[in-house]
Protein backbone atom coordinates (compact mmCIF):
# COMPACT_ATOMS: atom_id res chain seq x y z
CA MET A 1 0.00 0.00 0.00
CA VAL A 2 2.84 2.36 0.84
CA ILE A 3 4.51 1.60 -2.48
CA LEU A 4 1.25 2.33 -4.34
CA LYS A 5 0.89 5.69 -2.59
CA GLN A 6 4.47 6.60 -3.43
CA LEU A 7 3.91 5.61 -7.04
CA LEU A 8 0.75 7.70 -7.29
CA LYS A 9 2.56 10.64 -5.70
CA TRP A 10 5.43 10.27 -8.17
CA ILE A 11 2.99 10.16 -11.11
CA ARG A 12 1.16 13.22 -9.78
CA ASN A 13 4.41 15.15 -9.44
CA LEU A 14 5.52 14.10 -12.91
CA ILE A 15 2.24 15.26 -14.45
CA LEU A 16 2.45 18.57 -12.58
CA PHE A 17 6.05 19.07 -13.72
CA LEU A 18 5.19 18.34 -17.36
CA PHE A 19 2.19 20.68 -17.17
CA LEU A 20 4.26 23.55 -15.77
CA PHE A 21 7.15 22.82 -18.15
CA SER A 22 4.84 22.92 -21.18
CA ILE A 23 3.42 26.28 -20.14
CA GLY A 24 6.93 27.56 -19.49
CA MET A 25 8.07 26.54 -22.98
CA VAL A 26 5.08 28.23 -24.61
CA VAL A 27 5.71 31.42 -22.64
CA LEU A 28 9.43 31.30 -23.51
CA TYR A 29 8.76 30.87 -27.22
CA LYS A 30 6.42 33.83 -27.13
CA PHE A 31 9.57 35.96 -26.97
CA VAL A 32 12.54 33.79 -28.01
CA PRO A 33 13.28 32.65 -31.59
CA VAL A 34 12.69 28.94 -32.17
CA TYR A 35 16.01 27.87 -33.67
CA TYR A 36 15.48 24.12 -33.40
CA THR A 37 12.46 21.84 -33.07
CA LEU A 38 11.96 18.19 -32.25
CA LEU A 39 10.95 17.56 -35.86
CA MET A 40 14.33 18.83 -37.09
CA PHE A 41 16.17 16.32 -34.91
CA ILE A 42 13.83 13.51 -35.95
CA ARG A 43 14.58 14.27 -39.60
CA VAL A 44 18.33 14.29 -38.86
CA TYR A 45 17.97 10.85 -37.29
CA GLU A 46 16.08 9.63 -40.38
CA GLN A 47 18.78 11.04 -42.67
CA ILE A 48 21.56 9.32 -40.73
CA LYS A 49 19.61 6.06 -40.60
CA ALA A 50 19.26 6.19 -44.39
CA ASP A 51 23.03 6.80 -44.77
CA ARG A 52 22.45 10.35 -45.98
CA LYS A 53 24.08 13.60 -44.98
CA ALA A 54 22.43 15.14 -41.93
CA VAL A 55 21.14 18.59 -42.84
CA ILE A 56 19.25 21.30 -40.94
CA ASP A 57 19.01 24.38 -43.12
CA HIS A 58 17.21 26.97 -41.03
CA GLN A 59 17.56 30.72 -40.55
CA TRP A 60 15.24 32.55 -38.16
CA VAL A 61 13.99 35.93 -39.35
CA PRO A 62 11.32 38.23 -37.89
CA LEU A 63 7.90 38.38 -39.52
CA SER A 64 8.76 41.83 -40.87
CA ALA A 65 11.56 40.22 -42.93
CA ILE A 66 9.16 37.83 -44.68
CA ALA A 67 7.34 39.04 -47.78
CA GLN A 68 3.64 39.74 -47.28
CA PRO A 69 2.72 37.52 -50.28
CA LEU A 70 4.01 34.46 -48.43
CA VAL A 71 1.66 35.19 -45.53
CA GLN A 72 -1.17 35.52 -48.03
CA ALA A 73 -0.16 32.34 -49.82
CA VAL A 74 -0.04 30.09 -46.75
CA VAL A 75 -3.34 31.46 -45.46
CA ALA A 76 -4.95 30.92 -48.88
CA SER A 77 -3.50 27.43 -49.13
CA GLU A 78 -3.66 26.15 -45.56
CA ASP A 79 -6.11 28.10 -43.41
CA ASN A 80 -8.44 30.77 -44.82
CA LEU A 81 -9.87 31.63 -41.41
CA PHE A 82 -6.56 31.87 -39.57
CA LEU A 83 -7.18 35.32 -38.14
CA THR A 84 -10.76 34.65 -37.03
CA HIS A 85 -10.74 31.17 -35.50
CA LYS A 86 -9.50 30.25 -32.03
CA GLY A 87 -7.12 27.56 -33.20
CA PHE A 88 -9.55 25.07 -34.70
CA ASP A 89 -11.68 25.21 -37.85
CA MET A 90 -14.66 23.14 -36.74
CA ASP A 91 -16.36 23.27 -40.15
CA GLN A 92 -13.32 21.76 -41.86
CA ILE A 93 -12.92 19.15 -39.11
CA LYS A 94 -16.57 18.16 -39.55
CA LYS A 95 -16.23 17.96 -43.34
CA ALA A 96 -13.06 15.87 -43.08
CA ARG A 97 -14.77 13.47 -40.68
CA GLU A 98 -17.83 13.12 -42.91
CA GLU A 99 -15.67 12.45 -45.97
CA ALA A 100 -13.67 9.83 -44.06
CA GLU A 101 -16.88 8.11 -42.95
CA LYS A 102 -17.99 7.95 -46.59
CA GLY A 103 -14.75 6.22 -47.51
CA LYS A 104 -13.24 9.19 -49.32
CA ARG A 105 -9.55 10.03 -49.21
CA ILE A 106 -8.60 11.35 -45.77
CA ARG A 107 -7.59 15.00 -45.98
CA GLY A 108 -6.06 17.28 -43.44
CA ALA A 109 -8.15 19.81 -41.53
CA SER A 110 -5.37 21.26 -39.38
CA THR A 111 -5.19 25.01 -38.98
CA ILE A 112 -1.95 27.01 -39.08
CA SER A 113 -2.15 27.17 -35.28
CA GLN A 114 -2.37 23.37 -35.04
CA GLN A 115 0.50 22.93 -37.47
CA THR A 116 2.61 25.38 -35.47
CA ALA A 117 1.91 23.51 -32.24
CA LYS A 118 2.81 20.21 -33.90
CA ASN A 119 5.95 21.53 -35.62
CA VAL A 120 7.41 23.22 -32.55
CA PHE A 121 6.42 21.04 -29.61
CA LEU A 122 5.59 17.57 -30.94
CA TRP A 123 6.58 14.78 -33.29
CA PRO A 124 4.99 13.44 -36.52
CA GLY A 125 2.28 10.87 -36.01
CA LYS A 126 -1.46 10.25 -35.96
CA ASN A 127 -2.10 8.42 -32.70
CA TYR A 128 -4.58 9.73 -30.14
CA VAL A 129 -1.92 10.73 -27.60
CA ARG A 130 -0.10 12.99 -30.07
CA LYS A 131 -3.37 14.40 -31.38
CA GLY A 132 -4.49 15.16 -27.83
CA LEU A 133 -1.22 16.95 -27.11
CA GLU A 134 -1.62 18.90 -30.36
CA VAL A 135 -5.01 20.14 -29.17
CA TYR A 136 -3.49 21.09 -25.81
CA PHE A 137 -0.57 23.04 -27.28
CA THR A 138 -2.81 24.68 -29.88
CA PHE A 139 -5.03 25.95 -27.07
CA LEU A 140 -1.98 27.26 -25.20
CA ILE A 141 -0.45 29.17 -28.10
CA GLU A 142 -3.80 30.66 -29.07
CA LEU A 143 -4.22 31.76 -25.46
CA LEU A 144 -0.71 33.09 -24.86
CA TRP A 145 0.57 34.18 -28.30
CA SER A 146 -0.74 36.74 -30.75
CA LYS A 147 -1.76 35.72 -34.26
CA GLU A 148 1.33 37.59 -35.49
CA ARG A 149 3.56 35.45 -33.28
CA ILE A 150 1.88 32.24 -34.39
CA MET A 151 2.41 33.19 -38.04
CA GLU A 152 6.01 34.24 -37.36
CA VAL A 153 6.86 30.93 -35.69
CA TYR A 154 4.95 28.96 -38.33
CA LEU A 155 6.80 30.57 -41.23
CA ASN A 156 10.13 30.03 -39.50
CA SER A 157 9.65 26.44 -38.34
CA ILE A 158 7.58 24.73 -41.03
CA GLU A 159 9.29 22.06 -43.13
CA MET A 160 9.72 23.40 -46.68
CA GLY A 161 11.91 20.72 -48.23
CA ASP A 162 14.26 17.89 -47.32
CA GLY A 163 16.27 19.38 -44.45
CA ILE A 164 14.87 22.86 -45.20
CA TYR A 165 12.92 24.73 -42.53
CA GLY A 166 11.35 28.15 -42.71
CA ALA A 167 10.83 30.94 -45.20
CA GLU A 168 14.34 32.36 -45.23
CA ALA A 169 16.06 29.03 -45.89
CA VAL A 170 13.76 28.03 -48.75
CA ALA A 171 13.94 31.51 -50.31
CA GLN A 172 17.74 31.48 -50.25
CA LEU A 173 18.12 27.90 -51.47
CA HIS A 174 15.38 27.77 -54.11
CA PHE A 175 15.09 31.38 -55.29
CA LYS A 176 18.50 32.87 -54.42
CA LYS A 177 16.99 35.78 -52.54
CA PRO A 178 15.90 36.70 -48.99
CA ALA A 179 12.37 35.87 -47.85
CA SER A 180 11.58 39.59 -47.83
CA LYS A 181 11.94 39.69 -51.64
CA LEU A 182 9.68 36.76 -52.57
CA THR A 183 7.16 37.55 -55.28
CA PRO A 184 3.50 36.42 -55.15
CA ALA A 185 4.23 33.71 -57.73
CA GLU A 186 7.20 32.39 -55.73
CA ALA A 187 5.22 32.54 -52.49
CA ALA A 188 2.34 30.60 -54.06
CA LEU A 189 4.80 27.99 -55.34
CA ILE A 190 6.24 27.54 -51.84
CA ALA A 191 2.73 27.22 -50.39
CA ALA A 192 1.93 24.60 -53.04
CA THR A 193 4.59 22.30 -51.54
CA LEU A 194 3.22 22.35 -47.99
CA PRO A 195 1.01 19.25 -48.15
CA ASN A 196 4.20 17.24 -48.70
CA PRO A 197 7.34 19.45 -48.78
CA ARG A 198 9.72 16.51 -48.97
CA ARG A 199 7.98 15.26 -52.12
CA TYR A 200 7.29 18.57 -53.85
CA ASN A 201 10.14 20.96 -54.66
CA SER A 202 9.42 24.65 -55.19
CA ALA A 203 12.67 24.98 -57.17
CA LYS A 204 11.56 22.26 -59.60
CA PRO A 205 7.77 22.51 -59.79
CA SER A 206 5.77 19.66 -61.27
CA ALA A 207 2.66 20.13 -63.40
CA TYR A 208 0.54 19.54 -60.30
CA MET A 209 2.43 22.22 -58.38
CA LEU A 210 2.04 24.76 -61.19
CA LYS A 211 -1.70 24.07 -61.25
CA ARG A 212 -1.87 24.44 -57.47
CA GLN A 213 0.19 27.64 -57.70
CA GLY A 214 -2.45 29.13 -59.98
CA GLN A 215 -5.23 28.15 -57.59
CA ILE A 216 -3.41 29.71 -54.64
CA LEU A 217 -2.73 32.93 -56.56
CA SER A 218 -6.42 33.14 -57.39
CA LEU A 219 -7.39 32.68 -53.74
CA MET A 220 -4.81 35.25 -52.65
CA GLY A 221 -6.56 37.80 -54.84
CA LYS A 222 -9.84 37.20 -53.00
CA LEU A 223 -8.49 37.70 -49.48
CA GLU A 224 -9.42 40.80 -47.55
CA GLN A 225 -6.59 42.80 -45.99
CA ILE A 226 -6.34 43.70 -42.30
CA PRO A 227 -3.41 44.97 -40.18
CA MET A 228 -1.04 42.34 -38.81
CA GLY A 229 2.12 43.70 -37.25
CA TYR A 230 3.72 44.90 -40.46
CA GLY A 231 1.80 46.21 -43.43
CA THR A 232 -1.23 44.00 -43.93
CA ALA A 233 -2.20 40.37 -43.67
CA PRO A 234 -5.10 38.40 -45.06
CA VAL A 235 -8.26 37.00 -43.63
CA SER A 236 -11.27 35.69 -45.45
CA GLY A 237 -14.55 33.96 -44.93
CA ASN A 238 -13.98 31.90 -48.05
CA LYS A 239 -13.62 28.16 -47.52
CA GLU A 240 -12.26 27.32 -50.96
CA LYS A 241 -9.40 24.85 -51.01
């Protein structure tokens, strides 16, 4: 009985520690650049395991040093309601569930906030534990960060190629220019890779990517403009994908 009580006490203390640690990390990353993520180290492990050169190409830049068209492009491509939802797009989640129940191809319904939480704090996977933690961290960053900060971390941490992370790295490697100089067409091409950035290459676009680029450019033109830290940023009620 004594051992059981000690075990329960240890588990309680562990849960409390992890809870406080998670909040501490979210608060820290509200102010501090995210230079490395767990995903980056997982990819390095996968590269080494496959007898390939380990690469992490990542350069943190502030949101003001990222071209406005890239913000528009990722919102148009990934999350039209980014600036109006509270972390979760319930309509898209409902539609994805209904399509899955009908036997259709499973599609993602994750918002930019959810993707940021996953990219920064978690690991790839689709089990219930990881999904539950994703919900938890999404709630925390929506509560403690501004939308500008979420977008800034998202555009700096998202995987944009094999060993490539963030807007600055992909702009330099694929377009030979800083992220601040990306054109709408280049931004749309980068956004077109995001469903599978290790398969699609914005430097060598396939026919599918060029078609998707055109769709994203069209959606970008329909987005309303509202202030977001620097200049303007998009938000829209459209649910086109």
